[in-house]
């Protein structure tokens, strides 16, 4: 599939949130991210909500790796000792937590132009 075709703009959105995964809170960030991606011609191939646990995050990321050109993680309130999201995500990209949003934004911009 050529990156210049609309089919190439596929994305998955993963919300990492203990409270959302337990049904205690409504996920607002995942649907908002998906809406923005759709407005920029991405096809959303999947969404998931998982607890902030390394195995759960890694499993869902592995599930999207062959189906989505871009996987966006969202959720949480910041980097804290309980936040394990960067660890499993790091298996798929070589970027620090601070550089990750910039790397994603740059990749999206390249795909849109």
PDB file of N, CA and C in Angstrom:
ATOM      1  N   UNK A   1       0.845  -1.170   0.000  1.00  0.00           N
ATOM      2  CA  UNK A   1       0.000   0.000   0.000  1.00  0.00           C
ATOM      3  C   UNK A   1       0.887   1.228   0.000  1.00  0.00           C
ATOM      4  N   UNK A   2       0.658   2.126  -0.885  1.00  0.00           N
ATOM      5  CA  UNK A   2       1.443   3.353  -0.996  1.00  0.00           C
ATOM      6  C   UNK A   2       0.997   4.358   0.046  1.00  0.00           C
ATOM      7  N   UNK A   3       1.971   5.091   0.619  1.00  0.00           N
ATOM      8  CA  UNK A   3       1.616   6.080   1.638  1.00  0.00           C
ATOM      9  C   UNK A   3       0.878   7.267   1.042  1.00  0.00           C
ATOM     10  N   UNK A   4       0.760   7.352  -0.286  1.00  0.00           N
ATOM     11  CA  UNK A   4       0.048   8.458  -0.899  1.00  0.00           C
ATOM     12  C   UNK A   4      -1.429   8.142  -1.108  1.00  0.00           C
ATOM     13  N   UNK A   5      -1.845   6.914  -0.834  1.00  0.00           N
ATOM     14  CA  UNK A   5      -3.245   6.566  -0.990  1.00  0.00           C
ATOM     15  C   UNK A   5      -3.994   6.801   0.309  1.00  0.00           C
ATOM     16  N   UNK A   6      -5.289   7.136   0.218  1.00  0.00           N
ATOM     17  CA  UNK A   6      -6.067   7.377   1.437  1.00  0.00           C
ATOM     18  C   UNK A   6      -6.081   6.177   2.372  1.00  0.00           C
ATOM     19  N   UNK A   7      -6.042   4.947   1.829  1.00  0.00           N
ATOM     20  CA  UNK A   7      -6.064   3.757   2.669  1.00  0.00           C
ATOM     21  C   UNK A   7      -4.859   3.709   3.609  1.00  0.00           C
ATOM     22  N   UNK A   8      -3.773   4.363   3.240  1.00  0.00           N
ATOM     23  CA  UNK A   8      -2.564   4.330   4.043  1.00  0.00           C
ATOM     24  C   UNK A   8      -2.709   5.126   5.330  1.00  0.00           C
ATOM     25  N   UNK A   9      -3.693   5.999   5.389  1.00  0.00           N
ATOM     26  CA  UNK A   9      -3.870   6.829   6.578  1.00  0.00           C
ATOM     27  C   UNK A   9      -4.795   6.120   7.570  1.00  0.00           C
ATOM     28  N   UNK A  10      -4.293   5.059   8.146  1.00  0.00           N
ATOM     29  CA  UNK A  10      -5.058   4.301   9.138  1.00  0.00           C
ATOM     30  C   UNK A  10      -4.489   4.572  10.514  1.00  0.00           C
ATOM     31  N   UNK A  11      -5.375   4.593  11.496  1.00  0.00           N
ATOM     32  CA  UNK A  11      -4.944   4.874  12.867  1.00  0.00           C
ATOM     33  C   UNK A  11      -5.781   4.086  13.859  1.00  0.00           C
ATOM     34  N   UNK A  12      -5.188   3.837  15.009  1.00  0.00           N
ATOM     35  CA  UNK A  12      -5.886   3.255  16.153  1.00  0.00           C
ATOM     36  C   UNK A  12      -5.641   4.170  17.340  1.00  0.00           C
ATOM     37  N   UNK A  13      -6.603   4.232  18.229  1.00  0.00           N
ATOM     38  CA  UNK A  13      -6.495   5.089  19.409  1.00  0.00           C
ATOM     39  C   UNK A  13      -6.641   4.223  20.649  1.00  0.00           C
ATOM     40  N   UNK A  14      -5.657   4.313  21.533  1.00  0.00           N
ATOM     41  CA  UNK A  14      -5.653   3.528  22.765  1.00  0.00           C
ATOM     42  C   UNK A  14      -5.684   4.487  23.951  1.00  0.00           C
ATOM     43  N   UNK A  15      -6.726   4.391  24.745  1.00  0.00           N
ATOM     44  CA  UNK A  15      -6.818   5.175  25.972  1.00  0.00           C
ATOM     45  C   UNK A  15      -6.291   4.327  27.115  1.00  0.00           C
ATOM     46  N   UNK A  16      -5.295   4.853  27.801  1.00  0.00           N
ATOM     47  CA  UNK A  16      -4.710   4.161  28.947  1.00  0.00           C
ATOM     48  C   UNK A  16      -5.225   4.866  30.197  1.00  0.00           C
ATOM     49  N   UNK A  17      -6.133   4.194  30.890  1.00  0.00           N
ATOM     50  CA  UNK A  17      -6.752   4.803  32.065  1.00  0.00           C
ATOM     51  C   UNK A  17      -7.325   3.721  32.964  1.00  0.00           C
ATOM     52  N   UNK A  18      -6.864   3.694  34.198  1.00  0.00           N
ATOM     53  CA  UNK A  18      -7.409   2.736  35.146  1.00  0.00           C
ATOM     54  C   UNK A  18      -8.904   2.972  35.356  1.00  0.00           C
ATOM     55  N   UNK A  19      -9.284   4.219  35.602  1.00  0.00           N
ATOM     56  CA  UNK A  19     -10.686   4.501  35.917  1.00  0.00           C
ATOM     57  C   UNK A  19     -11.609   4.287  34.722  1.00  0.00           C
ATOM     58  N   UNK A  20     -11.167   4.643  33.515  1.00  0.00           N
ATOM     59  CA  UNK A  20     -12.000   4.397  32.327  1.00  0.00           C
ATOM     60  C   UNK A  20     -12.121   2.904  32.048  1.00  0.00           C
ATOM     61  N   UNK A  21     -11.037   2.166  32.225  1.00  0.00           N
ATOM     62  CA  UNK A  21     -11.079   0.732  31.951  1.00  0.00           C
ATOM     63  C   UNK A  21     -11.979  -0.003  32.946  1.00  0.00           C
ATOM     64  N   UNK A  22     -12.162   0.572  34.145  1.00  0.00           N
ATOM     65  CA  UNK A  22     -13.062  -0.017  35.142  1.00  0.00           C
ATOM     66  C   UNK A  22     -14.491   0.486  34.998  1.00  0.00           C
ATOM     67  N   UNK A  23     -14.728   1.407  34.064  1.00  0.00           N
ATOM     68  CA  UNK A  23     -16.068   1.951  33.862  1.00  0.00           C
ATOM     69  C   UNK A  23     -16.451   3.028  34.860  1.00  0.00           C
ATOM     70  N   UNK A  24     -15.476   3.565  35.584  1.00  0.00           N
ATOM     71  CA  UNK A  24     -15.751   4.592  36.586  1.00  0.00           C
ATOM     72  C   UNK A  24     -15.799   5.993  35.987  1.00  0.00           C
ATOM     73  N   UNK A  25     -15.185   6.172  34.841  1.00  0.00           N
ATOM     74  CA  UNK A  25     -15.161   7.473  34.147  1.00  0.00           C
ATOM     75  C   UNK A  25     -15.425   7.235  32.678  1.00  0.00           C
ATOM     76  N   UNK A  26     -15.962   8.245  32.038  1.00  0.00           N
ATOM     77  CA  UNK A  26     -16.187   8.192  30.599  1.00  0.00           C
ATOM     78  C   UNK A  26     -14.925   8.673  29.894  1.00  0.00           C
ATOM     79  N   UNK A  27     -14.504   7.923  28.901  1.00  0.00           N
ATOM     80  CA  UNK A  27     -13.323   8.309  28.118  1.00  0.00           C
ATOM     81  C   UNK A  27     -13.702   9.449  27.180  1.00  0.00           C
ATOM     82  N   UNK A  28     -13.133  10.600  27.401  1.00  0.00           N
ATOM     83  CA  UNK A  28     -13.357  11.745  26.525  1.00  0.00           C
ATOM     84  C   UNK A  28     -12.192  11.956  25.565  1.00  0.00           C
ATOM     85  N   UNK A  29     -10.990  11.598  25.993  1.00  0.00           N
ATOM     86  CA  UNK A  29      -9.810  11.882  25.161  1.00  0.00           C
ATOM     87  C   UNK A  29      -9.724  10.962  23.944  1.00  0.00           C
ATOM     88  N   UNK A  30     -10.035   9.691  24.095  1.00  0.00           N
ATOM     89  CA  UNK A  30      -9.959   8.762  22.963  1.00  0.00           C
ATOM     90  C   UNK A  30     -10.858   9.174  21.808  1.00  0.00           C
ATOM     91  N   UNK A  31     -12.156   9.408  22.071  1.00  0.00           N
ATOM     92  CA  UNK A  31     -13.036   9.864  20.997  1.00  0.00           C
ATOM     93  C   UNK A  31     -12.613  11.211  20.410  1.00  0.00           C
ATOM     94  N   UNK A  32     -12.080  12.103  21.235  1.00  0.00           N
ATOM     95  CA  UNK A  32     -11.621  13.408  20.723  1.00  0.00           C
ATOM     96  C   UNK A  32     -10.438  13.232  19.775  1.00  0.00           C
ATOM     97  N   UNK A  33      -9.496  12.366  20.142  1.00  0.00           N
ATOM     98  CA  UNK A  33      -8.347  12.094  19.275  1.00  0.00           C
ATOM     99  C   UNK A  33      -8.825  11.474  17.960  1.00  0.00           C
ATOM    100  N   UNK A  34      -9.730  10.511  18.053  1.00  0.00           N
ATOM    101  CA  UNK A  34     -10.254   9.856  16.849  1.00  0.00           C
ATOM    102  C   UNK A  34     -10.937  10.878  15.936  1.00  0.00           C
ATOM    103  N   UNK A  35     -11.693  11.798  16.509  1.00  0.00           N
ATOM    104  CA  UNK A  35     -12.364  12.834  15.704  1.00  0.00           C
ATOM    105  C   UNK A  35     -11.358  13.704  14.957  1.00  0.00           C
ATOM    106  N   UNK A  36     -10.289  14.110  15.635  1.00  0.00           N
ATOM    107  CA  UNK A  36      -9.257  14.929  14.986  1.00  0.00           C
ATOM    108  C   UNK A  36      -8.602  14.149  13.850  1.00  0.00           C
ATOM    109  N   UNK A  37      -8.281  12.896  14.105  1.00  0.00           N
ATOM    110  CA  UNK A  37      -7.655  12.081  13.067  1.00  0.00           C
ATOM    111  C   UNK A  37      -8.577  11.928  11.855  1.00  0.00           C
ATOM    112  N   UNK A  38      -9.862  11.708  12.100  1.00  0.00           N
ATOM    113  CA  UNK A  38     -10.829  11.579  11.002  1.00  0.00           C
ATOM    114  C   UNK A  38     -10.885  12.854  10.171  1.00  0.00           C
ATOM    115  N   UNK A  39     -10.820  13.997  10.839  1.00  0.00           N
ATOM    116  CA  UNK A  39     -10.844  15.279  10.129  1.00  0.00           C
ATOM    117  C   UNK A  39      -9.615  15.463   9.238  1.00  0.00           C
ATOM    118  N   UNK A  40      -8.574  14.690   9.520  1.00  0.00           N
ATOM    119  CA  UNK A  40      -7.348  14.750   8.720  1.00  0.00           C
ATOM    120  C   UNK A  40      -7.197  13.505   7.848  1.00  0.00           C
ATOM    121  N   UNK A  41      -8.313  12.935   7.469  1.00  0.00           N
ATOM    122  CA  UNK A  41      -8.389  11.840   6.490  1.00  0.00           C
ATOM    123  C   UNK A  41      -7.880  10.495   6.988  1.00  0.00           C
ATOM    124  N   UNK A  42      -7.750  10.307   8.279  1.00  0.00           N
ATOM    125  CA  UNK A  42      -7.378   8.996   8.807  1.00  0.00           C
ATOM    126  C   UNK A  42      -8.628   8.132   8.932  1.00  0.00           C
ATOM    127  N   UNK A  43      -8.471   6.861   8.651  1.00  0.00           N
ATOM    128  CA  UNK A  43      -9.499   5.880   8.923  1.00  0.00           C
ATOM    129  C   UNK A  43      -9.159   5.256  10.266  1.00  0.00           C
ATOM    130  N   UNK A  44     -10.107   5.278  11.187  1.00  0.00           N
ATOM    131  CA  UNK A  44      -9.874   4.690  12.504  1.00  0.00           C
ATOM    132  C   UNK A  44     -10.172   3.199  12.402  1.00  0.00           C
ATOM    133  N   UNK A  45      -9.132   2.392  12.539  1.00  0.00           N
ATOM    134  CA  UNK A  45      -9.284   0.946  12.406  1.00  0.00           C
ATOM    135  C   UNK A  45      -9.570   0.276  13.748  1.00  0.00           C
ATOM    136  N   UNK A  46      -9.470   1.037  14.819  1.00  0.00           N
ATOM    137  CA  UNK A  46      -9.796   0.474  16.115  1.00  0.00           C
ATOM    138  C   UNK A  46      -9.542   1.424  17.254  1.00  0.00           C
ATOM    139  N   UNK A  47     -10.255   1.177  18.340  1.00  0.00           N
ATOM    140  CA  UNK A  47     -10.035   1.910  19.584  1.00  0.00           C
ATOM    141  C   UNK A  47     -10.036   0.891  20.717  1.00  0.00           C
ATOM    142  N   UNK A  48      -9.373   1.253  21.788  1.00  0.00           N
ATOM    143  CA  UNK A  48      -9.334   0.381  22.963  1.00  0.00           C
ATOM    144  C   UNK A  48      -9.110   1.229  24.200  1.00  0.00           C
ATOM    145  N   UNK A  49      -9.607   0.740  25.318  1.00  0.00           N
ATOM    146  CA  UNK A  49      -9.351   1.350  26.614  1.00  0.00           C
ATOM    147  C   UNK A  49      -8.764   0.268  27.501  1.00  0.00           C
ATOM    148  N   UNK A  50      -7.588   0.547  28.045  1.00  0.00           N
ATOM    149  CA  UNK A  50      -6.887  -0.434  28.870  1.00  0.00           C
ATOM    150  C   UNK A  50      -6.424   0.213  30.166  1.00  0.00           C
ATOM    151  N   UNK A  51      -6.234  -0.599  31.215  1.00  0.00           N
ATOM    152  CA  UNK A  51      -5.682  -0.052  32.453  1.00  0.00           C
ATOM    153  C   UNK A  51      -4.208   0.289  32.265  1.00  0.00           C
ATOM    154  N   UNK A  52      -3.685   1.097  33.148  1.00  0.00           N
ATOM    155  CA  UNK A  52      -2.280   1.502  33.089  1.00  0.00           C
ATOM    156  C   UNK A  52      -1.415   0.369  33.636  1.00  0.00           C
ATOM    157  N   UNK A  53      -1.375  -0.713  32.868  1.00  0.00           N
ATOM    158  CA  UNK A  53      -0.592  -1.893  33.215  1.00  0.00           C
ATOM    159  C   UNK A  53       0.190  -2.295  31.972  1.00  0.00           C
ATOM    160  N   UNK A  54       1.468  -2.519  32.161  1.00  0.00           N
ATOM    161  CA  UNK A  54       2.366  -2.758  31.039  1.00  0.00           C
ATOM    162  C   UNK A  54       1.891  -3.888  30.118  1.00  0.00           C
ATOM    163  N   UNK A  55       1.486  -5.006  30.667  1.00  0.00           N
ATOM    164  CA  UNK A  55       1.068  -6.147  29.839  1.00  0.00           C
ATOM    165  C   UNK A  55      -0.171  -5.808  29.014  1.00  0.00           C
ATOM    166  N   UNK A  56      -1.130  -5.116  29.606  1.00  0.00           N
ATOM    167  CA  UNK A  56      -2.363  -4.757  28.893  1.00  0.00           C
ATOM    168  C   UNK A  56      -2.073  -3.779  27.753  1.00  0.00           C
ATOM    169  N   UNK A  57      -1.215  -2.808  28.012  1.00  0.00           N
ATOM    170  CA  UNK A  57      -0.860  -1.823  26.990  1.00  0.00           C
ATOM    171  C   UNK A  57      -0.112  -2.505  25.852  1.00  0.00           C
ATOM    172  N   UNK A  58       0.864  -3.320  26.203  1.00  0.00           N
ATOM    173  CA  UNK A  58       1.668  -4.008  25.194  1.00  0.00           C
ATOM    174  C   UNK A  58       0.789  -4.907  24.325  1.00  0.00           C
ATOM    175  N   UNK A  59      -0.135  -5.614  24.932  1.00  0.00           N
ATOM    176  CA  UNK A  59      -1.004  -6.517  24.179  1.00  0.00           C
ATOM    177  C   UNK A  59      -1.843  -5.753  23.155  1.00  0.00           C
ATOM    178  N   UNK A  60      -2.429  -4.640  23.555  1.00  0.00           N
ATOM    179  CA  UNK A  60      -3.270  -3.894  22.610  1.00  0.00           C
ATOM    180  C   UNK A  60      -2.420  -3.240  21.517  1.00  0.00           C
ATOM    181  N   UNK A  61      -1.227  -2.752  21.864  1.00  0.00           N
ATOM    182  CA  UNK A  61      -0.350  -2.172  20.837  1.00  0.00           C
ATOM    183  C   UNK A  61       0.071  -3.236  19.825  1.00  0.00           C
ATOM    184  N   UNK A  62       0.380  -4.429  20.301  1.00  0.00           N
ATOM    185  CA  UNK A  62       0.751  -5.521  19.395  1.00  0.00           C
ATOM    186  C   UNK A  62      -0.400  -5.860  18.454  1.00  0.00           C
ATOM    187  N   UNK A  63      -1.622  -5.743  18.951  1.00  0.00           N
ATOM    188  CA  UNK A  63      -2.784  -6.037  18.124  1.00  0.00           C
ATOM    189  C   UNK A  63      -2.984  -5.051  16.984  1.00  0.00           C
ATOM    190  N   UNK A  64      -2.507  -3.823  17.145  1.00  0.00           N
ATOM    191  CA  UNK A  64      -2.704  -2.790  16.115  1.00  0.00           C
ATOM    192  C   UNK A  64      -1.504  -2.626  15.201  1.00  0.00           C
ATOM    193  N   UNK A  65      -0.366  -3.185  15.547  1.00  0.00           N
ATOM    194  CA  UNK A  65       0.876  -2.887  14.826  1.00  0.00           C
ATOM    195  C   UNK A  65       0.811  -3.227  13.334  1.00  0.00           C
ATOM    196  N   UNK A  66       0.091  -4.253  12.957  1.00  0.00           N
ATOM    197  CA  UNK A  66      -0.005  -4.627  11.545  1.00  0.00           C
ATOM    198  C   UNK A  66      -1.223  -4.026  10.845  1.00  0.00           C
ATOM    199  N   UNK A  67      -2.103  -3.394  11.603  1.00  0.00           N
ATOM    200  CA  UNK A  67      -3.339  -2.886  11.020  1.00  0.00           C
ATOM    201  C   UNK A  67      -3.418  -1.374  10.937  1.00  0.00           C
ATOM    202  N   UNK A  68      -2.585  -0.677  11.682  1.00  0.00           N
ATOM    203  CA  UNK A  68      -2.643   0.781  11.708  1.00  0.00           C
ATOM    204  C   UNK A  68      -1.266   1.373  11.456  1.00  0.00           C
ATOM    205  N   UNK A  69      -1.224   2.405  10.630  1.00  0.00           N
ATOM    206  CA  UNK A  69       0.047   3.086  10.375  1.00  0.00           C
ATOM    207  C   UNK A  69       0.413   3.997  11.531  1.00  0.00           C
ATOM    208  N   UNK A  70      -0.580   4.429  12.283  1.00  0.00           N
ATOM    209  CA  UNK A  70      -0.362   5.309  13.429  1.00  0.00           C
ATOM    210  C   UNK A  70      -1.193   4.791  14.589  1.00  0.00           C
ATOM    211  N   UNK A  71      -0.561   4.637  15.749  1.00  0.00           N
ATOM    212  CA  UNK A  71      -1.278   4.272  16.961  1.00  0.00           C
ATOM    213  C   UNK A  71      -1.036   5.378  17.971  1.00  0.00           C
ATOM    214  N   UNK A  72      -2.127   5.981  18.427  1.00  0.00           N
ATOM    215  CA  UNK A  72      -2.040   7.087  19.377  1.00  0.00           C
ATOM    216  C   UNK A  72      -2.468   6.580  20.742  1.00  0.00           C
ATOM    217  N   UNK A  73      -1.642   6.855  21.744  1.00  0.00           N
ATOM    218  CA  UNK A  73      -2.033   6.558  23.120  1.00  0.00           C
ATOM    219  C   UNK A  73      -2.427   7.861  23.785  1.00  0.00           C
ATOM    220  N   UNK A  74      -3.459   7.793  24.597  1.00  0.00           N
ATOM    221  CA  UNK A  74      -3.952   8.957  25.307  1.00  0.00           C
ATOM    222  C   UNK A  74      -4.429   8.512  26.679  1.00  0.00           C
ATOM    223  N   UNK A  75      -4.601   9.466  27.571  1.00  0.00           N
ATOM    224  CA  UNK A  75      -5.126   9.153  28.894  1.00  0.00           C
ATOM    225  C   UNK A  75      -4.154   9.526  29.989  1.00  0.00           C
ATOM    226  N   UNK A  76      -4.643   9.425  31.197  1.00  0.00           N
ATOM    227  CA  UNK A  76      -3.819   9.769  32.352  1.00  0.00           C
ATOM    228  C   UNK A  76      -3.700  11.270  32.532  1.00  0.00           C
ATOM    229  N   UNK A  77      -3.058  11.640  33.590  1.00  0.00           N
ATOM    230  CA  UNK A  77      -2.922  13.058  33.899  1.00  0.00           C
ATOM    231  C   UNK A  77      -1.479  13.528  33.848  1.00  0.00           C
ATOM    232  N   UNK A  78      -0.573  12.653  33.475  1.00  0.00           N
ATOM    233  CA  UNK A  78       0.829  13.051  33.411  1.00  0.00           C
ATOM    234  C   UNK A  78       1.724  11.892  33.766  1.00  0.00           C
ATOM    235  N   UNK A  79       2.998  12.135  33.746  1.00  0.00           N
ATOM    236  CA  UNK A  79       3.952  11.077  34.050  1.00  0.00           C
ATOM    237  C   UNK A  79       4.149  11.006  35.557  1.00  0.00           C
ATOM    238  N   UNK A  80       3.870   9.829  36.098  1.00  0.00           N
ATOM    239  CA  UNK A  80       3.967   9.584  37.535  1.00  0.00           C
ATOM    240  C   UNK A  80       4.500   8.166  37.728  1.00  0.00           C
ATOM    241  N   UNK A  81       4.885   7.816  38.954  1.00  0.00           N
ATOM    242  CA  UNK A  81       5.404   6.465  39.183  1.00  0.00           C
ATOM    243  C   UNK A  81       4.438   5.367  38.724  1.00  0.00           C
ATOM    244  N   UNK A  82       3.142   5.587  38.824  1.00  0.00           N
ATOM    245  CA  UNK A  82       2.147   4.592  38.410  1.00  0.00           C
ATOM    246  C   UNK A  82       2.061   4.480  36.888  1.00  0.00           C
ATOM    247  N   UNK A  83       2.485   5.507  36.172  1.00  0.00           N
ATOM    248  CA  UNK A  83       2.391   5.541  34.713  1.00  0.00           C
ATOM    249  C   UNK A  83       3.438   4.628  34.100  1.00  0.00           C
ATOM    250  N   UNK A  84       2.966   3.542  33.476  1.00  0.00           N
ATOM    251  CA  UNK A  84       3.890   2.610  32.826  1.00  0.00           C
ATOM    252  C   UNK A  84       3.775   2.676  31.302  1.00  0.00           C
ATOM    253  N   UNK A  85       2.956   3.572  30.782  1.00  0.00           N
ATOM    254  CA  UNK A  85       2.710   3.638  29.337  1.00  0.00           C
ATOM    255  C   UNK A  85       3.985   3.750  28.507  1.00  0.00           C
ATOM    256  N   UNK A  86       4.974   4.570  28.874  1.00  0.00           N
ATOM    257  CA  UNK A  86       6.166   4.670  28.024  1.00  0.00           C
ATOM    258  C   UNK A  86       6.935   3.369  27.853  1.00  0.00           C
ATOM    259  N   UNK A  87       6.890   2.470  28.830  1.00  0.00           N
ATOM    260  CA  UNK A  87       7.666   1.226  28.739  1.00  0.00           C
ATOM    261  C   UNK A  87       7.205   0.335  27.589  1.00  0.00           C
ATOM    262  N   UNK A  88       5.942  -0.087  27.542  1.00  0.00           N
ATOM    263  CA  UNK A  88       5.549  -0.945  26.417  1.00  0.00           C
ATOM    264  C   UNK A  88       5.543  -0.202  25.092  1.00  0.00           C
ATOM    265  N   UNK A  89       5.253   1.079  25.107  1.00  0.00           N
ATOM    266  CA  UNK A  89       5.257   1.875  23.884  1.00  0.00           C
ATOM    267  C   UNK A  89       6.672   1.969  23.327  1.00  0.00           C
ATOM    268  N   UNK A  90       7.655   1.980  24.201  1.00  0.00           N
ATOM    269  CA  UNK A  90       9.047   2.091  23.784  1.00  0.00           C
ATOM    270  C   UNK A  90       9.530   0.921  22.949  1.00  0.00           C
ATOM    271  N   UNK A  91       8.845  -0.205  23.036  1.00  0.00           N
ATOM    272  CA  UNK A  91       9.215  -1.363  22.207  1.00  0.00           C
ATOM    273  C   UNK A  91       8.967  -1.087  20.732  1.00  0.00           C
ATOM    274  N   UNK A  92       8.091  -0.124  20.434  1.00  0.00           N
ATOM    275  CA  UNK A  92       7.682   0.123  19.061  1.00  0.00           C
ATOM    276  C   UNK A  92       8.289   1.381  18.467  1.00  0.00           C
ATOM    277  N   UNK A  93       8.869   2.214  19.299  1.00  0.00           N
ATOM    278  CA  UNK A  93       9.466   3.457  18.811  1.00  0.00           C
ATOM    279  C   UNK A  93      10.619   3.828  19.723  1.00  0.00           C
ATOM    280  N   UNK A  94      11.635   4.411  19.154  1.00  0.00           N
ATOM    281  CA  UNK A  94      12.778   4.826  19.925  1.00  0.00           C
ATOM    282  C   UNK A  94      12.664   6.325  20.184  1.00  0.00           C
ATOM    283  N   UNK A  95      11.847   6.688  21.157  1.00  0.00           N
ATOM    284  CA  UNK A  95      11.635   8.101  21.476  1.00  0.00           C
ATOM    285  C   UNK A  95      11.396   8.229  22.976  1.00  0.00           C
ATOM    286  N   UNK A  96      11.916   9.287  23.554  1.00  0.00           N
ATOM    287  CA  UNK A  96      11.676   9.520  24.975  1.00  0.00           C
ATOM    288  C   UNK A  96      10.257  10.035  25.164  1.00  0.00           C
ATOM    289  N   UNK A  97       9.777  10.028  26.397  1.00  0.00           N
ATOM    290  CA  UNK A  97       8.425  10.499  26.675  1.00  0.00           C
ATOM    291  C   UNK A  97       8.215  11.937  26.207  1.00  0.00           C
ATOM    292  N   UNK A  98       9.226  12.784  26.360  1.00  0.00           N
ATOM    293  CA  UNK A  98       9.080  14.177  25.926  1.00  0.00           C
ATOM    294  C   UNK A  98       9.114  14.302  24.411  1.00  0.00           C
ATOM    295  N   UNK A  99       9.860  13.462  23.750  1.00  0.00           N
ATOM    296  CA  UNK A  99       9.986  13.556  22.298  1.00  0.00           C
ATOM    297  C   UNK A  99       8.840  12.865  21.574  1.00  0.00           C
ATOM    298  N   UNK A 100       8.148  11.946  22.226  1.00  0.00           N
ATOM    299  CA  UNK A 100       7.109  11.150  21.574  1.00  0.00           C
ATOM    300  C   UNK A 100       6.018  12.000  20.922  1.00  0.00           C
ATOM    301  N   UNK A 101       5.401  12.967  21.621  1.00  0.00           N
ATOM    302  CA  UNK A 101       4.362  13.760  20.950  1.00  0.00           C
ATOM    303  C   UNK A 101       4.883  14.494  19.719  1.00  0.00           C
ATOM    304  N   UNK A 102       6.093  15.007  19.794  1.00  0.00           N
ATOM    305  CA  UNK A 102       6.668  15.696  18.642  1.00  0.00           C
ATOM    306  C   UNK A 102       6.912  14.733  17.490  1.00  0.00           C
ATOM    307  N   UNK A 103       7.371  13.541  17.806  1.00  0.00           N
ATOM    308  CA  UNK A 103       7.611  12.541  16.758  1.00  0.00           C
ATOM    309  C   UNK A 103       6.303  12.156  16.081  1.00  0.00           C
ATOM    310  N   UNK A 104       5.250  11.972  16.867  1.00  0.00           N
ATOM    311  CA  UNK A 104       3.946  11.625  16.291  1.00  0.00           C
ATOM    312  C   UNK A 104       3.417  12.762  15.431  1.00  0.00           C
ATOM    313  N   UNK A 105       3.502  13.978  15.934  1.00  0.00           N
ATOM    314  CA  UNK A 105       3.002  15.122  15.173  1.00  0.00           C
ATOM    315  C   UNK A 105       3.762  15.274  13.866  1.00  0.00           C
ATOM    316  N   UNK A 106       5.055  15.078  13.911  1.00  0.00           N
ATOM    317  CA  UNK A 106       5.863  15.192  12.692  1.00  0.00           C
ATOM    318  C   UNK A 106       5.483  14.117  11.690  1.00  0.00           C
ATOM    319  N   UNK A 107       5.230  12.914  12.178  1.00  0.00           N
ATOM    320  CA  UNK A 107       4.856  11.824  11.278  1.00  0.00           C
ATOM    321  C   UNK A 107       3.497  12.105  10.637  1.00  0.00           C
ATOM    322  N   UNK A 108       2.558  12.598  11.411  1.00  0.00           N
ATOM    323  CA  UNK A 108       1.240  12.943  10.875  1.00  0.00           C
ATOM    324  C   UNK A 108       1.392  14.040   9.822  1.00  0.00           C
ATOM    325  N   UNK A 109       2.186  15.065  10.117  1.00  0.00           N
ATOM    326  CA  UNK A 109       2.362  16.156   9.171  1.00  0.00           C
ATOM    327  C   UNK A 109       2.976  15.666   7.857  1.00  0.00           C
ATOM    328  N   UNK A 110       3.948  14.757   7.947  1.00  0.00           N
ATOM    329  CA  UNK A 110       4.552  14.201   6.715  1.00  0.00           C
ATOM    330  C   UNK A 110       3.518  13.461   5.894  1.00  0.00           C
ATOM    331  N   UNK A 111       2.640  12.741   6.557  1.00  0.00           N
ATOM    332  CA  UNK A 111       1.623  11.954   5.850  1.00  0.00           C
ATOM    333  C   UNK A 111       0.567  12.865   5.209  1.00  0.00           C
ATOM    334  N   UNK A 112       0.323  13.995   5.809  1.00  0.00           N
ATOM    335  CA  UNK A 112      -0.717  14.906   5.293  1.00  0.00           C
ATOM    336  C   UNK A 112      -0.222  15.763   4.141  1.00  0.00           C
ATOM    337  N   UNK A 113       1.081  15.869   3.989  1.00  0.00           N
ATOM    338  CA  UNK A 113       1.629  16.744   2.915  1.00  0.00           C
ATOM    339  C   UNK A 113       2.254  15.964   1.810  1.00  0.00           C
TER     340      UNK A 113
END
